[in-house]
PDB file of N, CA and C in Angstrom:
ATOM      1  N   MET A   1      16.074  13.455 -17.334  1.00  0.00           N
ATOM      2  CA  MET A   1      16.165  12.415 -16.540  1.00  0.00           C
ATOM      3  C   MET A   1      14.671  12.325 -16.284  1.00  0.00           C
ATOM      4  N   SER A   2      14.069  11.281 -16.558  1.00  0.00           N
ATOM      5  CA  SER A   2      12.319  11.562 -15.858  1.00  0.00           C
ATOM      6  C   SER A   2      12.124  10.304 -15.148  1.00  0.00           C
ATOM      7  N   TYR A   3      10.737  10.777 -14.092  1.00  0.00           N
ATOM      8  CA  TYR A   3      10.679  10.115 -12.969  1.00  0.00           C
ATOM      9  C   TYR A   3       9.450   9.213 -13.429  1.00  0.00           C
ATOM     10  N   THR A   4       9.335   7.719 -13.081  1.00  0.00           N
ATOM     11  CA  THR A   4       8.154   7.168 -13.281  1.00  0.00           C
ATOM     12  C   THR A   4       8.084   6.325 -11.675  1.00  0.00           C
ATOM     13  N   PRO A   5       6.556   7.400 -11.827  1.00  0.00           N
ATOM     14  CA  PRO A   5       6.031   7.108 -10.031  1.00  0.00           C
ATOM     15  C   PRO A   5       5.996   5.263  -9.838  1.00  0.00           C
ATOM     16  N   LYS A   6       6.362   5.112  -8.517  1.00  0.00           N
ATOM     17  CA  LYS A   6       6.126   3.817  -7.941  1.00  0.00           C
ATOM     18  C   LYS A   6       4.915   3.374  -7.615  1.00  0.00           C
ATOM     19  N   LYS A   7       4.498   2.655  -7.196  1.00  0.00           N
ATOM     20  CA  LYS A   7       2.974   2.021  -7.068  1.00  0.00           C
ATOM     21  C   LYS A   7       3.683   0.956  -5.501  1.00  0.00           C
ATOM     22  N   CYS A   8       2.661   1.405  -4.125  1.00  0.00           N
ATOM     23  CA  CYS A   8       3.122   0.557  -3.018  1.00  0.00           C
ATOM     24  C   CYS A   8       2.589  -1.009  -3.560  1.00  0.00           C
ATOM     25  N   SER A   9       3.812  -1.953  -3.063  1.00  0.00           N
ATOM     26  CA  SER A   9       3.701  -3.276  -3.402  1.00  0.00           C
ATOM     27  C   SER A   9       2.168  -3.905  -2.628  1.00  0.00           C
ATOM     28  N   PHE A  10       2.104  -3.216  -1.476  1.00  0.00           N
ATOM     29  CA  PHE A  10       1.045  -3.748  -0.682  1.00  0.00           C
ATOM     30  C   PHE A  10      -0.442  -2.538  -0.728  1.00  0.00           C
ATOM     31  N   CYS A  11      -0.536  -1.899  -0.875  1.00  0.00           N
ATOM     32  CA  CYS A  11      -1.696  -1.389  -1.031  1.00  0.00           C
ATOM     33  C   CYS A  11      -1.979  -0.422  -2.380  1.00  0.00           C
ATOM     34  N   SER A  12      -0.966  -0.509  -3.287  1.00  0.00           N
ATOM     35  CA  SER A  12      -1.375   0.109  -4.877  1.00  0.00           C
ATOM     36  C   SER A  12      -1.023   1.498  -4.349  1.00  0.00           C
ATOM     37  N   ARG A  13      -1.260   2.428  -3.719  1.00  0.00           N
ATOM     38  CA  ARG A  13      -1.008   3.666  -3.588  1.00  0.00           C
ATOM     39  C   ARG A  13       0.543   4.492  -4.365  1.00  0.00           C
ATOM     40  N   LEU A  14       0.417   5.296  -4.708  1.00  0.00           N
ATOM     41  CA  LEU A  14       1.178   6.485  -5.518  1.00  0.00           C
ATOM     42  C   LEU A  14       2.529   6.947  -4.554  1.00  0.00           C
ATOM     43  N   ILE A  15       3.804   6.248  -4.611  1.00  0.00           N
ATOM     44  CA  ILE A  15       4.970   7.214  -3.969  1.00  0.00           C
ATOM     45  C   ILE A  15       5.395   8.161  -4.875  1.00  0.00           C
ATOM     46  N   PRO A  16       5.084   9.295  -4.018  1.00  0.00           N
ATOM     47  CA  PRO A  16       5.876  10.259  -4.385  1.00  0.00           C
ATOM     48  C   PRO A  16       7.407  10.271  -4.494  1.00  0.00           C
ATOM     49  N   LEU A  17       7.823  11.269  -5.304  1.00  0.00           N
ATOM     50  CA  LEU A  17       9.141  10.979  -5.450  1.00  0.00           C
ATOM     51  C   LEU A  17       9.925  11.391  -3.861  1.00  0.00           C
ATOM     52  N   GLY A  18      11.048  10.928  -3.714  1.00  0.00           N
ATOM     53  CA  GLY A  18      11.678  10.822  -2.626  1.00  0.00           C
ATOM     54  C   GLY A  18      10.919  10.193  -1.095  1.00  0.00           C
ATOM     55  N   GLN A  19      10.301   9.156  -1.447  1.00  0.00           N
ATOM     56  CA  GLN A  19       9.592   9.346  -0.389  1.00  0.00           C
ATOM     57  C   GLN A  19       9.230   7.817  -0.481  1.00  0.00           C
ATOM     58  N   GLY A  20       8.742   6.751   0.300  1.00  0.00           N
ATOM     59  CA  GLY A  20       8.839   5.535   0.438  1.00  0.00           C
ATOM     60  C   GLY A  20       9.754   4.694   0.607  1.00  0.00           C
ATOM     61  N   ILE A  21       9.581   3.108   0.921  1.00  0.00           N
ATOM     62  CA  ILE A  21      10.754   2.537   1.655  1.00  0.00           C
ATOM     63  C   ILE A  21      11.151   1.482   0.835  1.00  0.00           C
ATOM     64  N   MET A  22      11.912   1.691  -0.126  1.00  0.00           N
ATOM     65  CA  MET A  22      12.492   0.315  -0.891  1.00  0.00           C
ATOM     66  C   MET A  22      13.155  -1.027  -0.048  1.00  0.00           C
ATOM     67  N   PHE A  23      12.371  -2.147  -0.242  1.00  0.00           N
ATOM     68  CA  PHE A  23      12.521  -3.394   0.314  1.00  0.00           C
ATOM     69  C   PHE A  23      13.057  -4.292  -0.604  1.00  0.00           C
ATOM     70  N   ILE A  24      14.745  -5.084  -0.529  1.00  0.00           N
ATOM     71  CA  ILE A  24      15.446  -5.982  -1.384  1.00  0.00           C
ATOM     72  C   ILE A  24      15.391  -7.461  -0.545  1.00  0.00           C
ATOM     73  N   ARG A  25      14.830  -8.196  -1.018  1.00  0.00           N
ATOM     74  CA  ARG A  25      15.033  -9.503  -0.231  1.00  0.00           C
ATOM     75  C   ARG A  25      16.146 -10.227  -1.148  1.00  0.00           C
ATOM     76  N   ASN A  26      16.464 -11.184  -0.194  1.00  0.00           N
ATOM     77  CA  ASN A  26      17.747 -11.941  -0.636  1.00  0.00           C
ATOM     78  C   ASN A  26      17.573 -12.686  -2.112  1.00  0.00           C
ATOM     79  N   ASP A  27      16.738 -12.887  -2.646  1.00  0.00           N
ATOM     80  CA  ASP A  27      16.769 -13.583  -3.775  1.00  0.00           C
ATOM     81  C   ASP A  27      16.637 -12.460  -5.106  1.00  0.00           C
ATOM     82  N   GLY A  28      16.701 -10.858  -4.957  1.00  0.00           N
ATOM     83  CA  GLY A  28      16.912  -9.809  -5.471  1.00  0.00           C
ATOM     84  C   GLY A  28      15.636  -9.312  -5.429  1.00  0.00           C
ATOM     85  N   ALA A  29      14.338  -9.783  -5.429  1.00  0.00           N
ATOM     86  CA  ALA A  29      12.938  -8.983  -5.638  1.00  0.00           C
ATOM     87  C   ALA A  29      13.001  -7.640  -4.814  1.00  0.00           C
ATOM     88  N   THR A  30      12.311  -6.842  -5.420  1.00  0.00           N
ATOM     89  CA  THR A  30      12.213  -5.290  -5.573  1.00  0.00           C
ATOM     90  C   THR A  30      10.933  -4.922  -4.587  1.00  0.00           C
ATOM     91  N   PHE A  31      10.256  -4.284  -3.456  1.00  0.00           N
ATOM     92  CA  PHE A  31       9.075  -4.227  -3.078  1.00  0.00           C
ATOM     93  C   PHE A  31       9.508  -2.728  -2.736  1.00  0.00           C
ATOM     94  N   TRP A  32       8.346  -2.212  -2.980  1.00  0.00           N
ATOM     95  CA  TRP A  32       8.037  -0.638  -2.766  1.00  0.00           C
ATOM     96  C   TRP A  32       7.139  -0.499  -1.722  1.00  0.00           C
ATOM     97  N   TYR A  33       7.401  -0.043  -0.704  1.00  0.00           N
ATOM     98  CA  TYR A  33       6.043   0.311   0.583  1.00  0.00           C
ATOM     99  C   TYR A  33       5.828   1.785   0.470  1.00  0.00           C
ATOM    100  N   CYS A  34       4.613   2.470   0.758  1.00  0.00           N
ATOM    101  CA  CYS A  34       4.557   3.819   0.722  1.00  0.00           C
ATOM    102  C   CYS A  34       4.481   4.454   2.169  1.00  0.00           C
ATOM    103  N   SER A  35       4.635   3.397   2.956  1.00  0.00           N
ATOM    104  CA  SER A  35       4.353   3.667   4.514  1.00  0.00           C
ATOM    105  C   SER A  35       5.283   2.235   5.262  1.00  0.00           C
ATOM    106  N   SER A  36       5.613   2.634   6.364  1.00  0.00           N
ATOM    107  CA  SER A  36       6.050   1.882   7.898  1.00  0.00           C
ATOM    108  C   SER A  36       5.034   0.786   7.788  1.00  0.00           C
ATOM    109  N   LYS A  37       3.525   1.059   7.893  1.00  0.00           N
ATOM    110  CA  LYS A  37       2.706   0.493   7.940  1.00  0.00           C
ATOM    111  C   LYS A  37       2.200  -0.818   6.915  1.00  0.00           C
ATOM    112  N   CYS A  38       2.273  -0.756   5.617  1.00  0.00           N
ATOM    113  CA  CYS A  38       2.799  -1.372   4.825  1.00  0.00           C
ATOM    114  C   CYS A  38       3.570  -2.365   5.102  1.00  0.00           C
ATOM    115  N   ARG A  39       4.743  -1.659   4.995  1.00  0.00           N
ATOM    116  CA  ARG A  39       6.175  -2.781   5.412  1.00  0.00           C
ATOM    117  C   ARG A  39       5.453  -3.639   6.374  1.00  0.00           C
ATOM    118  N   LYS A  40       5.077  -3.505   7.206  1.00  0.00           N
ATOM    119  CA  LYS A  40       5.114  -4.425   8.332  1.00  0.00           C
ATOM    120  C   LYS A  40       4.364  -5.452   8.056  1.00  0.00           C
ATOM    121  N   ASN A  41       2.588  -4.682   7.682  1.00  0.00           N
ATOM    122  CA  ASN A  41       2.159  -6.007   7.207  1.00  0.00           C
ATOM    123  C   ASN A  41       2.354  -6.922   6.275  1.00  0.00           C
ATOM    124  N   ALA A  42       3.336  -6.249   4.898  1.00  0.00           N
ATOM    125  CA  ALA A  42       3.580  -7.332   4.034  1.00  0.00           C
ATOM    126  C   ALA A  42       4.987  -8.320   4.156  1.00  0.00           C
ATOM    127  N   SER A  43       5.635  -7.797   4.884  1.00  0.00           N
ATOM    128  CA  SER A  43       7.070  -8.003   5.675  1.00  0.00           C
ATOM    129  C   SER A  43       7.029  -9.045   6.496  1.00  0.00           C
ATOM    130  N   VAL A  44       6.848  -8.191   8.165  1.00  0.00           N
ATOM    131  CA  VAL A  44       6.527  -9.012   8.926  1.00  0.00           C
ATOM    132  C   VAL A  44       5.538  -9.863   9.224  1.00  0.00           C
ATOM    133  N   LEU A  45       4.188  -9.220   9.369  1.00  0.00           N
ATOM    134  CA  LEU A  45       3.090  -9.966   9.722  1.00  0.00           C
ATOM    135  C   LEU A  45       2.587 -10.874   8.537  1.00  0.00           C
ATOM    136  N   LYS A  46       3.050 -10.661   7.383  1.00  0.00           N
ATOM    137  CA  LYS A  46       2.953 -11.858   5.973  1.00  0.00           C
ATOM    138  C   LYS A  46       1.282 -11.611   6.033  1.00  0.00           C
ATOM    139  N   ARG A  47       0.740 -10.507   5.702  1.00  0.00           N
ATOM    140  CA  ARG A  47      -0.958 -10.564   5.664  1.00  0.00           C
ATOM    141  C   ARG A  47      -1.051 -10.182   4.051  1.00  0.00           C
ATOM    142  N   ASP A  48      -2.083 -10.564   3.689  1.00  0.00           N
ATOM    143  CA  ASP A  48      -3.208 -10.699   2.528  1.00  0.00           C
ATOM    144  C   ASP A  48      -3.282  -9.491   2.440  1.00  0.00           C
ATOM    145  N   PRO A  49      -3.092  -8.300   1.235  1.00  0.00           N
ATOM    146  CA  PRO A  49      -3.493  -6.855   1.133  1.00  0.00           C
ATOM    147  C   PRO A  49      -5.328  -7.328   0.677  1.00  0.00           C
ATOM    148  N   ARG A  50      -5.469  -8.382   0.159  1.00  0.00           N
ATOM    149  CA  ARG A  50      -7.227  -8.736  -0.471  1.00  0.00           C
ATOM    150  C   ARG A  50      -7.926  -8.503   0.595  1.00  0.00           C
ATOM    151  N   LYS A  51      -7.497  -9.198   1.954  1.00  0.00           N
ATOM    152  CA  LYS A  51      -8.034  -9.411   3.409  1.00  0.00           C
ATOM    153  C   LYS A  51      -8.190  -8.336   3.978  1.00  0.00           C
ATOM    154  N   LEU A  52      -7.543  -6.895   3.906  1.00  0.00           N
ATOM    155  CA  LEU A  52      -7.759  -6.205   4.790  1.00  0.00           C
ATOM    156  C   LEU A  52      -8.479  -5.243   3.667  1.00  0.00           C
ATOM    157  N   LYS A  53      -9.455  -4.163   4.814  1.00  0.00           N
ATOM    158  CA  LYS A  53     -10.581  -3.512   4.085  1.00  0.00           C
ATOM    159  C   LYS A  53      -9.550  -1.995   3.437  1.00  0.00           C
ATOM    160  N   TRP A  54      -8.639  -1.692   4.236  1.00  0.00           N
ATOM    161  CA  TRP A  54      -8.173  -0.393   3.999  1.00  0.00           C
ATOM    162  C   TRP A  54      -7.562  -0.815   2.790  1.00  0.00           C
ATOM    163  N   ALA A  55      -6.454  -1.754   2.532  1.00  0.00           N
ATOM    164  CA  ALA A  55      -5.818  -1.750   1.774  1.00  0.00           C
ATOM    165  C   ALA A  55      -6.501  -2.014   0.252  1.00  0.00           C
ATOM    166  N   ARG A  56      -7.806  -2.901   0.581  1.00  0.00           N
ATOM    167  CA  ARG A  56      -8.442  -3.281  -0.873  1.00  0.00           C
ATOM    168  C   ARG A  56      -8.948  -1.925  -1.384  1.00  0.00           C
ATOM    169  N   ALA A  57      -9.252  -0.753  -0.139  1.00  0.00           N
ATOM    170  CA  ALA A  57     -10.291   0.221  -0.515  1.00  0.00           C
ATOM    171  C   ALA A  57      -9.330   1.028  -1.281  1.00  0.00           C
ATOM    172  N   GLN A  58      -7.536   0.717  -0.957  1.00  0.00           N
ATOM    173  CA  GLN A  58      -6.843   1.882  -1.623  1.00  0.00           C
ATOM    174  C   GLN A  58      -6.396   1.368  -3.011  1.00  0.00           C
ATOM    175  N   ARG A  59      -6.383   0.179  -3.162  1.00  0.00           N
ATOM    176  CA  ARG A  59      -6.401  -0.668  -4.677  1.00  0.00           C
ATOM    177  C   ARG A  59      -7.131  -0.471  -5.299  1.00  0.00           C
ATOM    178  N   PHE A  60      -8.822  -0.497  -4.556  1.00  0.00           N
ATOM    179  CA  PHE A  60      -9.590  -0.326  -5.647  1.00  0.00           C
ATOM    180  C   PHE A  60      -9.970   1.105  -6.429  1.00  0.00           C
ATOM    181  N   ARG A  61      -9.421   2.211  -5.611  1.00  0.00           N
ATOM    182  CA  ARG A  61      -9.470   3.712  -5.720  1.00  0.00           C
ATOM    183  C   ARG A  61      -8.269   3.882  -6.589  1.00  0.00           C
ATOM    184  N   SER A  62      -6.799   3.010  -6.734  1.00  0.00           N
ATOM    185  CA  SER A  62      -5.799   3.659  -7.408  1.00  0.00           C
ATOM    186  C   SER A  62      -5.989   2.924  -8.837  1.00  0.00           C
ATOM    187  N   GLU A  63      -7.058   2.252  -8.936  1.00  0.00           N
ATOM    188  CA  GLU A  63      -7.130   1.739 -10.544  1.00  0.00           C
ATOM    189  C   GLU A  63      -7.711   2.660 -11.399  1.00  0.00           C
ATOM    190  N   GLN A  64      -7.623   2.440 -13.037  1.00  0.00           N
ATOM    191  CA  GLN A  64      -7.947   3.482 -13.426  1.00  0.00           C
ATOM    192  C   GLN A  64      -9.832   3.523 -13.681  1.00  0.00           C
ATOM    193  N   VAL A  65     -10.374   4.199 -13.054  1.00  0.00           N
ATOM    194  CA  VAL A  65     -11.499   4.413 -13.621  1.00  0.00           C
ATOM    195  C   VAL A  65     -11.801   4.533 -14.809  1.00  0.00           C
ATOM    196  N   SER A  66     -12.519   3.957 -15.592  1.00  0.00           N
ATOM    197  CA  SER A  66     -12.660   4.462 -17.169  1.00  0.00           C
ATOM    198  C   SER A  66     -13.996   4.635 -17.359  1.00  0.00           C
ATOM    199  N   SER A  67     -14.995   3.740 -16.858  1.00  0.00           N
ATOM    200  CA  SER A  67     -16.421   3.196 -17.480  1.00  0.00           C
ATOM    201  C   SER A  67     -16.978   4.082 -16.439  1.00  0.00           C
ATOM    202  N   PRO A  68     -18.363   4.951 -17.300  1.00  0.00           N
ATOM    203  CA  PRO A  68     -19.199   5.398 -16.124  1.00  0.00           C
ATOM    204  C   PRO A  68     -20.118   4.469 -15.242  1.00  0.00           C
ATOM    205  N   GLN A  69     -19.852   3.263 -15.078  1.00  0.00           N
ATOM    206  CA  GLN A  69     -20.188   2.319 -14.322  1.00  0.00           C
ATOM    207  C   GLN A  69     -19.415   2.490 -13.007  1.00  0.00           C
ATOM    208  N   THR A  70     -18.190   2.223 -13.148  1.00  0.00           N
ATOM    209  CA  THR A  70     -17.004   2.245 -12.411  1.00  0.00           C
ATOM    210  C   THR A  70     -17.237   3.315 -11.391  1.00  0.00           C
ATOM    211  N   ARG A  71     -17.757   4.328 -12.435  1.00  0.00           N
ATOM    212  CA  ARG A  71     -17.565   6.019 -11.301  1.00  0.00           C
ATOM    213  C   ARG A  71     -18.646   5.984 -10.500  1.00  0.00           C
ATOM    214  N   MET A  72     -19.887   5.313 -10.638  1.00  0.00           N
ATOM    215  CA  MET A  72     -21.119   5.133 -10.249  1.00  0.00           C
ATOM    216  C   MET A  72     -20.873   4.786  -9.150  1.00  0.00           C
ATOM    217  N   LYS A  73     -20.213   3.462  -9.058  1.00  0.00           N
ATOM    218  CA  LYS A  73     -20.126   2.179  -8.199  1.00  0.00           C
ATOM    219  C   LYS A  73     -18.982   3.219  -7.021  1.00  0.00           C
ATOM    220  N   LEU A  74     -18.173   3.530  -7.324  1.00  0.00           N
ATOM    221  CA  LEU A  74     -17.322   4.012  -6.648  1.00  0.00           C
ATOM    222  C   LEU A  74     -17.714   5.542  -5.898  1.00  0.00           C
ATOM    223  N   ALA A  75     -18.807   5.824  -6.547  1.00  0.00           N
ATOM    224  CA  ALA A  75     -19.473   7.166  -5.606  1.00  0.00           C
ATOM    225  C   ALA A  75     -20.363   7.028  -4.982  1.00  0.00           C
ATOM    226  N   GLU A  76     -21.218   5.472  -4.558  1.00  0.00           N
ATOM    227  CA  GLU A  76     -22.313   5.313  -4.466  1.00  0.00           C
ATOM    228  C   GLU A  76     -21.651   4.355  -3.290  1.00  0.00           C
ATOM    229  N   ALA A  77     -20.599   3.565  -2.872  1.00  0.00           N
ATOM    230  CA  ALA A  77     -19.881   2.834  -1.823  1.00  0.00           C
ATOM    231  C   ALA A  77     -19.479   4.394  -1.029  1.00  0.00           C
ATOM    232  N   THR A  78     -18.804   5.270  -1.683  1.00  0.00           N
ATOM    233  CA  THR A  78     -18.394   6.473  -0.727  1.00  0.00           C
ATOM    234  C   THR A  78     -19.525   7.016  -0.273  1.00  0.00           C
ATOM    235  N   VAL A  79     -20.451   7.179  -0.679  1.00  0.00           N
ATOM    236  CA  VAL A  79     -22.157   7.951  -0.236  1.00  0.00           C
ATOM    237  C   VAL A  79     -22.422   6.716   0.917  1.00  0.00           C
ATOM    238  N   ALA A  80     -22.143   5.491   0.688  1.00  0.00           N
ATOM    239  CA  ALA A  80     -22.751   4.587   1.739  1.00  0.00           C
ATOM    240  C   ALA A  80     -21.633   4.716   2.841  1.00  0.00           C
ATOM    241  N   THR A  81     -20.559   4.558   2.841  1.00  0.00           N
ATOM    242  CA  THR A  81     -19.578   4.479   3.676  1.00  0.00           C
ATOM    243  C   THR A  81     -19.864   5.876   4.621  1.00  0.00           C
ATOM    244  N   THR A  82     -20.058   6.863   4.226  1.00  0.00           N
ATOM    245  CA  THR A  82     -19.831   8.464   4.898  1.00  0.00           C
ATOM    246  C   THR A  82     -21.318   8.147   5.680  1.00  0.00           C
ATOM    247  N   LYS A  83     -22.340   7.696   5.046  1.00  0.00           N
ATOM    248  CA  LYS A  83     -23.750   7.492   5.597  1.00  0.00           C
ATOM    249  C   LYS A  83     -23.732   6.796   7.225  1.00  0.00           C
ATOM    250  N   LYS A  84     -22.656   5.531   6.806  1.00  0.00           N
ATOM    251  CA  LYS A  84     -22.844   4.572   8.179  1.00  0.00           C
ATOM    252  C   LYS A  84     -22.131   5.338   9.304  1.00  0.00           C
ATOM    253  N   LYS A  85     -21.216   6.363   9.136  1.00  0.00           N
ATOM    254  CA  LYS A  85     -20.310   7.072  10.248  1.00  0.00           C
ATOM    255  C   LYS A  85     -21.578   7.794  11.058  1.00  0.00           C
TER     256      LYS A  85
END
C-alpha cells in the first residue's frame, strides 16, 4: 500500500501521514487541512489564502522550485525578511 502525501487545501503545506484534518462538505467535496488554524480560516472565517501573508508564503515555498531564477528570488526574499527583523 503506497501513501500519496496530501496537501493542505488552504496553505498547500504537505500533511504527514496520520496527521491533519479531513473536512467533508454536504455536497461531497473533501478538504484536507494541516492545522486547526487553516481549517478555521477556510471554513469558519471564509478567508482567501491569497490575501494572507503567511498562507501565500507557504504556497510559494511548497511549489516546485525548478529554475535558478525562482530559487534566486526565493533566497532574496528570505534574506530581505530576515534583515527587516
